[in-house]
């Protein structure tokens, strides 16, 4: 064999070794990419479960706080005027509403104030269907937004329920804010990935 043949054989062996090395690197890259894809899918499902859990926690805590605030009632002693209310008709709500957990009624009532004026109102969660046919002593606490605030004389005022309910609502808002931030980041990364 001549020196040229030896050189050609060496070069062929070198090319063959380089091709084998390239094939090994390619299979390693493909294996790493498939592992990343599997990890990414499990990460996405883990994120989705976390997000659903945080959202449920936020809703439950917030509605629990709303329930406590609603059950706290109003102070009859703060009334600027008093009167008697008679319930005309009611319709029920519950068990889960925007005012928290539990069943409550919205009622149409006619109020006869002690100063002689008469007023027809629709009030939430102050009166019940069982109050129909009775005269209920109430106090006027003034207006809040567009409706009149009332307090019943026969329902005790429990401010401690409000004191507990407001922090519970705020604590419930924190997981909700966290869930919104997680959704925002997920959407940003999704759109950033699509642009590439």
C-alpha atoms as a PDB file:
ATOM      1  CA  UNK A   1       0.000   0.000   0.000  1.00  0.00           C
ATOM      2  CA  UNK A   2       1.248   3.402  -0.866  1.00  0.00           C
ATOM      3  CA  UNK A   3       1.388   6.388   1.417  1.00  0.00           C
ATOM      4  CA  UNK A   4      -1.485   7.979  -0.502  1.00  0.00           C
ATOM      5  CA  UNK A   5      -3.718   4.984   0.161  1.00  0.00           C
ATOM      6  CA  UNK A   6      -2.853   5.090   3.843  1.00  0.00           C
ATOM      7  CA  UNK A   7      -3.671   8.792   4.014  1.00  0.00           C
ATOM      8  CA  UNK A   8      -7.022   8.204   2.262  1.00  0.00           C
ATOM      9  CA  UNK A   9      -7.835   5.348   4.696  1.00  0.00           C
ATOM     10  CA  UNK A  10      -6.990   7.590   7.652  1.00  0.00           C
ATOM     11  CA  UNK A  11      -9.214  10.327   6.319  1.00  0.00           C
ATOM     12  CA  UNK A  12     -12.103   7.896   5.721  1.00  0.00           C
ATOM     13  CA  UNK A  13     -11.752   6.545   9.282  1.00  0.00           C
ATOM     14  CA  UNK A  14     -11.677  10.124  10.609  1.00  0.00           C
ATOM     15  CA  UNK A  15     -14.833  11.054   8.613  1.00  0.00           C
ATOM     16  CA  UNK A  16     -16.560   7.875   9.819  1.00  0.00           C
ATOM     17  CA  UNK A  17     -15.665   8.698  13.472  1.00  0.00           C
ATOM     18  CA  UNK A  18     -16.951  12.262  13.055  1.00  0.00           C
ATOM     19  CA  UNK A  19     -20.222  10.985  11.515  1.00  0.00           C
ATOM     20  CA  UNK A  20     -20.720   8.570  14.412  1.00  0.00           C
ATOM     21  CA  UNK A  21     -20.037  11.382  16.905  1.00  0.00           C
ATOM     22  CA  UNK A  22     -22.569  13.636  15.127  1.00  0.00           C
ATOM     23  CA  UNK A  23     -25.178  10.846  15.221  1.00  0.00           C
ATOM     24  CA  UNK A  24     -24.593  10.320  18.978  1.00  0.00           C
ATOM     25  CA  UNK A  25     -24.933  14.064  19.646  1.00  0.00           C
ATOM     26  CA  UNK A  26     -28.116  14.189  17.547  1.00  0.00           C
ATOM     27  CA  UNK A  27     -29.722  11.301  19.483  1.00  0.00           C
ATOM     28  CA  UNK A  28     -28.701  12.956  22.785  1.00  0.00           C
ATOM     29  CA  UNK A  29     -30.296  16.247  21.666  1.00  0.00           C
ATOM     30  CA  UNK A  30     -33.506  14.480  20.636  1.00  0.00           C
ATOM     31  CA  UNK A  31     -33.659  12.620  23.962  1.00  0.00           C
ATOM     32  CA  UNK A  32     -33.120  15.868  25.884  1.00  0.00           C
ATOM     33  CA  UNK A  33     -35.785  17.629  23.809  1.00  0.00           C
ATOM     34  CA  UNK A  34     -38.340  14.869  24.416  1.00  0.00           C
ATOM     35  CA  UNK A  35     -37.503  14.918  28.148  1.00  0.00           C
ATOM     36  CA  UNK A  36     -38.003  18.696  28.213  1.00  0.00           C
ATOM     37  CA  UNK A  37     -41.345  18.289  26.412  1.00  0.00           C
ATOM     38  CA  UNK A  38     -42.510  15.709  28.964  1.00  0.00           C
ATOM     39  CA  UNK A  39     -41.334  17.958  31.816  1.00  0.00           C
ATOM     40  CA  UNK A  40     -43.067  20.931  30.188  1.00  0.00           C
ATOM     41  CA  UNK A  41     -46.353  19.016  29.888  1.00  0.00           C
ATOM     42  CA  UNK A  42     -46.212  17.887  33.517  1.00  0.00           C
ATOM     43  CA  UNK A  43     -45.274  21.417  34.551  1.00  0.00           C
ATOM     44  CA  UNK A  44     -48.236  22.819  32.627  1.00  0.00           C
ATOM     45  CA  UNK A  45     -50.643  20.356  34.235  1.00  0.00           C
ATOM     46  CA  UNK A  46     -49.143  21.088  37.662  1.00  0.00           C
ATOM     47  CA  UNK A  47     -49.587  24.831  37.006  1.00  0.00           C
ATOM     48  CA  UNK A  48     -53.192  24.286  35.934  1.00  0.00           C
ATOM     49  CA  UNK A  49     -53.989  22.284  39.088  1.00  0.00           C
ATOM     50  CA  UNK A  50     -52.286  24.950  41.209  1.00  0.00           C
ATOM     51  CA  UNK A  51     -54.246  27.688  39.452  1.00  0.00           C
ATOM     52  CA  UNK A  52     -57.589  25.921  39.903  1.00  0.00           C
ATOM     53  CA  UNK A  53     -56.777  25.285  43.570  1.00  0.00           C
ATOM     54  CA  UNK A  54     -55.839  28.922  44.175  1.00  0.00           C
ATOM     55  CA  UNK A  55     -58.999  30.125  42.419  1.00  0.00           C
ATOM     56  CA  UNK A  56     -61.240  27.832  44.469  1.00  0.00           C
ATOM     57  CA  UNK A  57     -59.478  28.901  47.674  1.00  0.00           C
ATOM     58  CA  UNK A  58     -59.915  32.570  46.759  1.00  0.00           C
ATOM     59  CA  UNK A  59     -63.633  32.182  46.020  1.00  0.00           C
ATOM     60  CA  UNK A  60     -64.321  30.145  49.177  1.00  0.00           C
ATOM     61  CA  UNK A  61     -62.469  32.574  51.454  1.00  0.00           C
ATOM     62  CA  UNK A  62     -63.987  35.662  49.843  1.00  0.00           C
ATOM     63  CA  UNK A  63     -67.539  34.298  50.011  1.00  0.00           C
ATOM     64  CA  UNK A  64     -66.979  33.169  53.610  1.00  0.00           C
ATOM     65  CA  UNK A  65     -65.973  36.716  54.493  1.00  0.00           C
ATOM     66  CA  UNK A  66     -69.038  38.077  52.705  1.00  0.00           C
ATOM     67  CA  UNK A  67     -71.219  35.670  54.696  1.00  0.00           C
ATOM     68  CA  UNK A  68     -69.729  36.829  57.994  1.00  0.00           C
ATOM     69  CA  UNK A  69     -70.204  40.503  57.093  1.00  0.00           C
ATOM     70  CA  UNK A  70     -73.822  39.848  56.070  1.00  0.00           C
ATOM     71  CA  UNK A  71     -74.556  37.944  59.286  1.00  0.00           C
ATOM     72  CA  UNK A  72     -73.070  40.774  61.371  1.00  0.00           C
ATOM     73  CA  UNK A  73     -76.248  42.795  60.861  1.00  0.00           C
ATOM     74  CA  UNK A  74     -76.800  46.506  61.428  1.00  0.00           C
ATOM     75  CA  UNK A  75     -76.979  48.474  64.685  1.00  0.00           C
ATOM     76  CA  UNK A  76     -80.564  49.525  65.432  1.00  0.00           C
ATOM     77  CA  UNK A  77     -79.203  52.129  67.875  1.00  0.00           C
ATOM     78  CA  UNK A  78     -77.718  54.117  64.957  1.00  0.00           C
ATOM     79  CA  UNK A  79     -81.147  54.650  63.350  1.00  0.00           C
ATOM     80  CA  UNK A  80     -82.128  58.238  62.532  1.00  0.00           C
ATOM     81  CA  UNK A  81     -85.833  57.339  62.469  1.00  0.00           C
ATOM     82  CA  UNK A  82     -87.912  54.279  63.222  1.00  0.00           C
ATOM     83  CA  UNK A  83     -90.977  52.670  61.781  1.00  0.00           C
ATOM     84  CA  UNK A  84     -92.826  49.440  61.115  1.00  0.00           C
ATOM     85  CA  UNK A  85     -92.393  47.267  58.040  1.00  0.00           C
ATOM     86  CA  UNK A  86     -94.794  44.714  56.607  1.00  0.00           C
ATOM     87  CA  UNK A  87     -93.569  42.156  54.090  1.00  0.00           C
ATOM     88  CA  UNK A  88     -95.605  41.840  50.872  1.00  0.00           C
ATOM     89  CA  UNK A  89     -93.720  39.088  49.012  1.00  0.00           C
ATOM     90  CA  UNK A  90     -90.322  37.384  49.045  1.00  0.00           C
ATOM     91  CA  UNK A  91     -88.150  35.241  46.815  1.00  0.00           C
ATOM     92  CA  UNK A  92     -85.241  33.151  47.958  1.00  0.00           C
ATOM     93  CA  UNK A  93     -81.565  32.977  47.027  1.00  0.00           C
ATOM     94  CA  UNK A  94     -78.827  30.500  47.812  1.00  0.00           C
ATOM     95  CA  UNK A  95     -76.971  28.392  48.708  1.00  0.00           C
ATOM     96  CA  UNK A  96     -74.057  30.226  47.001  1.00  0.00           C
ATOM     97  CA  UNK A  97     -74.515  33.810  45.838  1.00  0.00           C
ATOM     98  CA  UNK A  98     -72.562  37.036  45.542  1.00  0.00           C
ATOM     99  CA  UNK A  99     -73.473  37.765  49.159  1.00  0.00           C
ATOM    100  CA  UNK A 100     -71.814  34.617  50.448  1.00  0.00           C
ATOM    101  CA  UNK A 101     -73.020  31.185  51.522  1.00  0.00           C
ATOM    102  CA  UNK A 102     -76.438  30.297  52.893  1.00  0.00           C
ATOM    103  CA  UNK A 103     -80.047  30.928  52.035  1.00  0.00           C
ATOM    104  CA  UNK A 104     -81.597  34.396  52.253  1.00  0.00           C
ATOM    105  CA  UNK A 105     -84.601  36.250  50.876  1.00  0.00           C
ATOM    106  CA  UNK A 106     -85.216  39.419  48.920  1.00  0.00           C
ATOM    107  CA  UNK A 107     -88.520  40.957  50.000  1.00  0.00           C
ATOM    108  CA  UNK A 108     -90.831  43.722  48.888  1.00  0.00           C
ATOM    109  CA  UNK A 109     -91.824  45.650  52.034  1.00  0.00           C
ATOM    110  CA  UNK A 110     -94.016  48.594  52.881  1.00  0.00           C
ATOM    111  CA  UNK A 111     -92.559  50.803  55.617  1.00  0.00           C
ATOM    112  CA  UNK A 112     -94.702  53.116  57.718  1.00  0.00           C
ATOM    113  CA  UNK A 113     -92.340  55.519  59.433  1.00  0.00           C
ATOM    114  CA  UNK A 114     -93.267  57.014  62.801  1.00  0.00           C
ATOM    115  CA  UNK A 115     -93.366  60.486  61.202  1.00  0.00           C
ATOM    116  CA  UNK A 116     -96.289  59.331  59.005  1.00  0.00           C
ATOM    117  CA  UNK A 117     -94.545  58.779  55.677  1.00  0.00           C
ATOM    118  CA  UNK A 118     -94.951  55.504  53.810  1.00  0.00           C
ATOM    119  CA  UNK A 119     -92.274  53.953  51.611  1.00  0.00           C
ATOM    120  CA  UNK A 120     -92.196  50.817  49.438  1.00  0.00           C
ATOM    121  CA  UNK A 121     -88.785  49.107  49.355  1.00  0.00           C
ATOM    122  CA  UNK A 122     -87.146  45.940  48.060  1.00  0.00           C
ATOM    123  CA  UNK A 123     -84.538  44.725  50.536  1.00  0.00           C
ATOM    124  CA  UNK A 124     -82.066  41.847  50.516  1.00  0.00           C
ATOM    125  CA  UNK A 125     -81.376  39.515  53.460  1.00  0.00           C
ATOM    126  CA  UNK A 126     -83.065  41.690  56.114  1.00  0.00           C
ATOM    127  CA  UNK A 127     -86.515  40.170  55.922  1.00  0.00           C
ATOM    128  CA  UNK A 128     -87.630  36.575  55.340  1.00  0.00           C
ATOM    129  CA  UNK A 129     -90.698  34.923  53.882  1.00  0.00           C
ATOM    130  CA  UNK A 130     -91.626  33.884  57.426  1.00  0.00           C
ATOM    131  CA  UNK A 131     -92.075  37.604  58.284  1.00  0.00           C
ATOM    132  CA  UNK A 132     -95.184  37.919  56.069  1.00  0.00           C
ATOM    133  CA  UNK A 133     -98.206  39.088  58.024  1.00  0.00           C
ATOM    134  CA  UNK A 134     -96.141  40.570  60.864  1.00  0.00           C
ATOM    135  CA  UNK A 135     -95.247  44.158  61.643  1.00  0.00           C
ATOM    136  CA  UNK A 136     -91.491  44.402  62.171  1.00  0.00           C
ATOM    137  CA  UNK A 137     -89.895  47.293  64.031  1.00  0.00           C
ATOM    138  CA  UNK A 138     -87.087  48.764  61.906  1.00  0.00           C
ATOM    139  CA  UNK A 139     -84.718  51.723  61.931  1.00  0.00           C
ATOM    140  CA  UNK A 140     -83.496  53.895  59.061  1.00  0.00           C
ATOM    141  CA  UNK A 141     -79.698  54.085  58.872  1.00  0.00           C
ATOM    142  CA  UNK A 142     -79.664  56.421  55.869  1.00  0.00           C
ATOM    143  CA  UNK A 143     -78.821  55.786  52.245  1.00  0.00           C
ATOM    144  CA  UNK A 144     -75.945  53.755  50.914  1.00  0.00           C
ATOM    145  CA  UNK A 145     -75.369  54.232  47.190  1.00  0.00           C
ATOM    146  CA  UNK A 146     -78.899  53.961  45.774  1.00  0.00           C
ATOM    147  CA  UNK A 147     -80.728  52.059  48.493  1.00  0.00           C
ATOM    148  CA  UNK A 148     -81.895  52.730  52.026  1.00  0.00           C
ATOM    149  CA  UNK A 149     -80.075  50.894  54.812  1.00  0.00           C
ATOM    150  CA  UNK A 150     -82.324  49.354  57.461  1.00  0.00           C
ATOM    151  CA  UNK A 151     -81.785  47.669  60.804  1.00  0.00           C
ATOM    152  CA  UNK A 152     -84.203  45.358  62.606  1.00  0.00           C
ATOM    153  CA  UNK A 153     -84.857  45.883  66.286  1.00  0.00           C
ATOM    154  CA  UNK A 154     -85.245  42.146  66.954  1.00  0.00           C
ATOM    155  CA  UNK A 155     -81.943  41.130  65.285  1.00  0.00           C
ATOM    156  CA  UNK A 156     -78.839  41.605  67.431  1.00  0.00           C
ATOM    157  CA  UNK A 157     -75.952  43.607  66.078  1.00  0.00           C
ATOM    158  CA  UNK A 158     -72.790  41.488  66.011  1.00  0.00           C
ATOM    159  CA  UNK A 159     -69.876  43.719  65.002  1.00  0.00           C
ATOM    160  CA  UNK A 160     -67.346  41.000  65.774  1.00  0.00           C
ATOM    161  CA  UNK A 161     -68.649  39.048  62.758  1.00  0.00           C
ATOM    162  CA  UNK A 162     -67.807  42.034  60.561  1.00  0.00           C
ATOM    163  CA  UNK A 163     -64.396  42.381  62.203  1.00  0.00           C
ATOM    164  CA  UNK A 164     -63.673  38.769  61.336  1.00  0.00           C
ATOM    165  CA  UNK A 165     -65.347  38.861  57.906  1.00  0.00           C
ATOM    166  CA  UNK A 166     -63.400  41.779  56.423  1.00  0.00           C
ATOM    167  CA  UNK A 167     -59.928  40.248  57.036  1.00  0.00           C
ATOM    168  CA  UNK A 168     -61.180  36.892  55.735  1.00  0.00           C
ATOM    169  CA  UNK A 169     -62.316  38.637  52.526  1.00  0.00           C
ATOM    170  CA  UNK A 170     -58.934  40.360  52.214  1.00  0.00           C
ATOM    171  CA  UNK A 171     -57.114  37.060  52.776  1.00  0.00           C
ATOM    172  CA  UNK A 172     -59.368  35.534  50.114  1.00  0.00           C
ATOM    173  CA  UNK A 173     -58.433  38.299  47.703  1.00  0.00           C
ATOM    174  CA  UNK A 174     -54.720  37.409  47.940  1.00  0.00           C
ATOM    175  CA  UNK A 175     -54.999  33.978  46.229  1.00  0.00           C
ATOM    176  CA  UNK A 176     -57.261  35.612  43.643  1.00  0.00           C
ATOM    177  CA  UNK A 177     -54.604  38.208  42.867  1.00  0.00           C
ATOM    178  CA  UNK A 178     -51.973  35.461  42.724  1.00  0.00           C
ATOM    179  CA  UNK A 179     -54.147  33.452  40.307  1.00  0.00           C
ATOM    180  CA  UNK A 180     -54.543  36.505  38.047  1.00  0.00           C
ATOM    181  CA  UNK A 181     -50.768  37.045  38.047  1.00  0.00           C
ATOM    182  CA  UNK A 182     -50.108  33.382  37.199  1.00  0.00           C
ATOM    183  CA  UNK A 183     -52.601  33.534  34.305  1.00  0.00           C
ATOM    184  CA  UNK A 184     -51.008  36.769  33.084  1.00  0.00           C
ATOM    185  CA  UNK A 185     -47.500  35.278  33.107  1.00  0.00           C
ATOM    186  CA  UNK A 186     -48.715  32.107  31.417  1.00  0.00           C
ATOM    187  CA  UNK A 187     -50.367  34.101  28.645  1.00  0.00           C
ATOM    188  CA  UNK A 188     -47.279  36.288  28.226  1.00  0.00           C
ATOM    189  CA  UNK A 189     -45.021  33.251  27.899  1.00  0.00           C
ATOM    190  CA  UNK A 190     -47.478  31.606  25.509  1.00  0.00           C
ATOM    191  CA  UNK A 191     -47.544  34.625  23.184  1.00  0.00           C
ATOM    192  CA  UNK A 192     -43.789  35.110  23.511  1.00  0.00           C
ATOM    193  CA  UNK A 193     -43.299  31.473  22.455  1.00  0.00           C
ATOM    194  CA  UNK A 194     -45.588  31.905  19.414  1.00  0.00           C
ATOM    195  CA  UNK A 195     -43.685  34.945  18.171  1.00  0.00           C
ATOM    196  CA  UNK A 196     -40.463  32.951  17.816  1.00  0.00           C
END
